[in-house]
Amino acid sequence: MGRRAFLREVIPRAATALGALGLGFLIDAVWARAVRGARLEREDYPRFVVGSYRVHHNVVGYLMLVVGLFAYPVVLIPLGLGMIVGHGIRDRLFWFVERMD
């Protein structure tokens, strides 16, 4: 495969992956603001708690990573990473389950 043919294959996939990563960041930001308010100042907001464990919304990102191993990896893996990294940067928390004491 020549350089030109290689680039014709790689550039659209790279653009799709970067777009999906950006969309993951956007989904994370919108989700957090929808739950916690426009400036994320709200401390008392709905939480998804199962037993004594709180499940964070970035669990969807981890799910997308796993599904992306089997189907549509160019889209689902960067989309999931965008959600996970966005959550981690904002809340300094990369785990998706937290024990509530």
C-alpha atoms as a PDB file:
ATOM      1  CA  MET A   1       0.000   0.000   0.000  1.00  0.00           C
ATOM      2  CA  GLY A   2       1.374   3.362  -0.981  1.00  0.00           C
ATOM      3  CA  ARG A   3       1.477   6.472   1.148  1.00  0.00           C
ATOM      4  CA  ARG A   4      -1.444   8.103  -0.626  1.00  0.00           C
ATOM      5  CA  ALA A   5      -3.676   5.032  -0.239  1.00  0.00           C
ATOM      6  CA  PHE A   6      -2.661   4.719   3.397  1.00  0.00           C
ATOM      7  CA  LEU A   7      -3.580   8.336   4.108  1.00  0.00           C
ATOM      8  CA  ARG A   8      -6.911   7.913   2.309  1.00  0.00           C
ATOM      9  CA  GLU A   9      -7.691   5.118   4.766  1.00  0.00           C
ATOM     10  CA  VAL A  10      -6.291   6.678   7.939  1.00  0.00           C
ATOM     11  CA  ILE A  11      -7.439  10.302   7.735  1.00  0.00           C
ATOM     12  CA  PRO A  12     -11.204   9.611   7.751  1.00  0.00           C
ATOM     13  CA  ARG A  13     -10.816   7.119  10.622  1.00  0.00           C
ATOM     14  CA  ALA A  14      -8.655   9.526  12.612  1.00  0.00           C
ATOM     15  CA  ALA A  15     -11.180  12.316  12.053  1.00  0.00           C
ATOM     16  CA  THR A  16     -13.997  10.016  13.200  1.00  0.00           C
ATOM     17  CA  ALA A  17     -12.042   8.985  16.299  1.00  0.00           C
ATOM     18  CA  LEU A  18     -11.187  12.593  17.212  1.00  0.00           C
ATOM     19  CA  GLY A  19     -14.796  13.627  16.672  1.00  0.00           C
ATOM     20  CA  ALA A  20     -15.981  10.792  18.904  1.00  0.00           C
ATOM     21  CA  LEU A  21     -13.478  11.786  21.602  1.00  0.00           C
ATOM     22  CA  GLY A  22     -14.745  15.357  21.479  1.00  0.00           C
ATOM     23  CA  LEU A  23     -18.334  14.123  21.602  1.00  0.00           C
ATOM     24  CA  GLY A  24     -17.462  12.078  24.687  1.00  0.00           C
ATOM     25  CA  PHE A  25     -16.158  15.219  26.418  1.00  0.00           C
ATOM     26  CA  LEU A  26     -19.308  17.071  25.375  1.00  0.00           C
ATOM     27  CA  ILE A  27     -21.645  14.320  26.628  1.00  0.00           C
ATOM     28  CA  ASP A  28     -19.826  14.295  29.970  1.00  0.00           C
ATOM     29  CA  ALA A  29     -20.026  18.086  30.321  1.00  0.00           C
ATOM     30  CA  VAL A  30     -23.714  18.259  29.379  1.00  0.00           C
ATOM     31  CA  TRP A  31     -24.591  15.347  31.671  1.00  0.00           C
ATOM     32  CA  ALA A  32     -22.791  16.917  34.650  1.00  0.00           C
ATOM     33  CA  ARG A  33     -24.389  20.308  34.076  1.00  0.00           C
ATOM     34  CA  ALA A  34     -27.842  18.805  33.610  1.00  0.00           C
ATOM     35  CA  VAL A  35     -27.551  17.120  37.003  1.00  0.00           C
ATOM     36  CA  ARG A  36     -25.507  19.668  38.998  1.00  0.00           C
ATOM     37  CA  GLY A  37     -26.459  22.986  37.420  1.00  0.00           C
ATOM     38  CA  ALA A  38     -24.902  25.221  34.794  1.00  0.00           C
ATOM     39  CA  ARG A  39     -21.851  26.130  36.880  1.00  0.00           C
ATOM     40  CA  LEU A  40     -21.588  22.774  38.708  1.00  0.00           C
ATOM     41  CA  GLU A  41     -22.085  24.555  42.042  1.00  0.00           C
ATOM     42  CA  ARG A  42     -24.906  22.399  43.321  1.00  0.00           C
ATOM     43  CA  GLU A  43     -23.818  19.961  46.028  1.00  0.00           C
ATOM     44  CA  ASP A  44     -27.166  18.301  46.660  1.00  0.00           C
ATOM     45  CA  TYR A  45     -28.074  16.597  43.390  1.00  0.00           C
ATOM     46  CA  PRO A  46     -29.546  13.202  42.436  1.00  0.00           C
ATOM     47  CA  ARG A  47     -27.128  10.298  42.667  1.00  0.00           C
ATOM     48  CA  PHE A  48     -27.504   6.737  41.445  1.00  0.00           C
ATOM     49  CA  VAL A  49     -26.897   4.566  44.523  1.00  0.00           C
ATOM     50  CA  VAL A  50     -27.089   0.772  44.541  1.00  0.00           C
ATOM     51  CA  GLY A  51     -26.890  -0.594  48.069  1.00  0.00           C
ATOM     52  CA  SER A  52     -23.930   1.230  49.609  1.00  0.00           C
ATOM     53  CA  TYR A  53     -22.280   2.062  46.265  1.00  0.00           C
ATOM     54  CA  ARG A  54     -22.662   5.189  44.176  1.00  0.00           C
ATOM     55  CA  VAL A  55     -22.436   4.597  40.426  1.00  0.00           C
ATOM     56  CA  HIS A  56     -21.033   7.565  38.505  1.00  0.00           C
ATOM     57  CA  HIS A  57     -22.206   8.498  35.016  1.00  0.00           C
ATOM     58  CA  ASN A  58     -18.834   7.625  33.510  1.00  0.00           C
ATOM     59  CA  VAL A  59     -19.841   3.975  33.874  1.00  0.00           C
ATOM     60  CA  VAL A  60     -21.387   4.550  30.445  1.00  0.00           C
ATOM     61  CA  GLY A  61     -17.908   5.429  29.147  1.00  0.00           C
ATOM     62  CA  TYR A  62     -16.469   2.182  30.512  1.00  0.00           C
ATOM     63  CA  LEU A  63     -19.356   0.285  28.950  1.00  0.00           C
ATOM     64  CA  MET A  64     -18.602   1.909  25.598  1.00  0.00           C
ATOM     65  CA  LEU A  65     -14.963   0.859  25.878  1.00  0.00           C
ATOM     66  CA  VAL A  66     -15.960  -2.759  26.403  1.00  0.00           C
ATOM     67  CA  VAL A  67     -18.555  -2.754  23.621  1.00  0.00           C
ATOM     68  CA  GLY A  68     -16.021  -0.986  21.386  1.00  0.00           C
ATOM     69  CA  LEU A  69     -13.732  -4.001  21.663  1.00  0.00           C
ATOM     70  CA  PHE A  70     -16.344  -5.975  19.708  1.00  0.00           C
ATOM     71  CA  ALA A  71     -18.152  -3.428  17.517  1.00  0.00           C
ATOM     72  CA  TYR A  72     -17.393   0.007  16.042  1.00  0.00           C
ATOM     73  CA  PRO A  73     -14.074   0.518  17.872  1.00  0.00           C
ATOM     74  CA  VAL A  74     -13.158   3.687  15.940  1.00  0.00           C
ATOM     75  CA  VAL A  75     -16.244   5.385  17.381  1.00  0.00           C
ATOM     76  CA  LEU A  76     -17.062   3.726  20.698  1.00  0.00           C
ATOM     77  CA  ILE A  77     -13.593   3.528  22.256  1.00  0.00           C
ATOM     78  CA  PRO A  78     -12.763   7.256  21.843  1.00  0.00           C
ATOM     79  CA  LEU A  79     -16.330   8.188  22.820  1.00  0.00           C
ATOM     80  CA  GLY A  80     -15.984   6.209  26.046  1.00  0.00           C
ATOM     81  CA  LEU A  81     -12.517   7.646  26.697  1.00  0.00           C
ATOM     82  CA  GLY A  82     -13.876  11.167  26.253  1.00  0.00           C
ATOM     83  CA  MET A  83     -16.540  10.547  28.880  1.00  0.00           C
ATOM     84  CA  ILE A  84     -14.084   8.946  31.320  1.00  0.00           C
ATOM     85  CA  VAL A  85     -11.359  11.561  30.928  1.00  0.00           C
ATOM     86  CA  GLY A  86     -13.859  14.438  31.079  1.00  0.00           C
ATOM     87  CA  HIS A  87     -15.262  13.068  34.341  1.00  0.00           C
ATOM     88  CA  GLY A  88     -11.766  12.498  35.700  1.00  0.00           C
ATOM     89  CA  ILE A  89     -10.556  15.996  34.889  1.00  0.00           C
ATOM     90  CA  ARG A  90     -13.624  17.693  36.363  1.00  0.00           C
ATOM     91  CA  ASP A  91     -14.160  15.560  39.473  1.00  0.00           C
ATOM     92  CA  ARG A  92     -10.650  14.079  39.827  1.00  0.00           C
ATOM     93  CA  LEU A  93     -12.288  10.689  39.855  1.00  0.00           C
ATOM     94  CA  PHE A  94     -11.680   8.036  37.215  1.00  0.00           C
ATOM     95  CA  TRP A  95     -13.505   5.218  38.999  1.00  0.00           C
ATOM     96  CA  PHE A  96     -17.140   4.644  38.182  1.00  0.00           C
ATOM     97  CA  VAL A  97     -18.185   3.118  41.501  1.00  0.00           C
ATOM     98  CA  GLU A  98     -17.689   4.749  44.886  1.00  0.00           C
ATOM     99  CA  ARG A  99     -18.477   3.258  48.296  1.00  0.00           C
ATOM    100  CA  MET A 100     -20.858   5.452  50.283  1.00  0.00           C
ATOM    101  CA  ASP A 101     -20.029   5.441  53.991  1.00  0.00           C
END
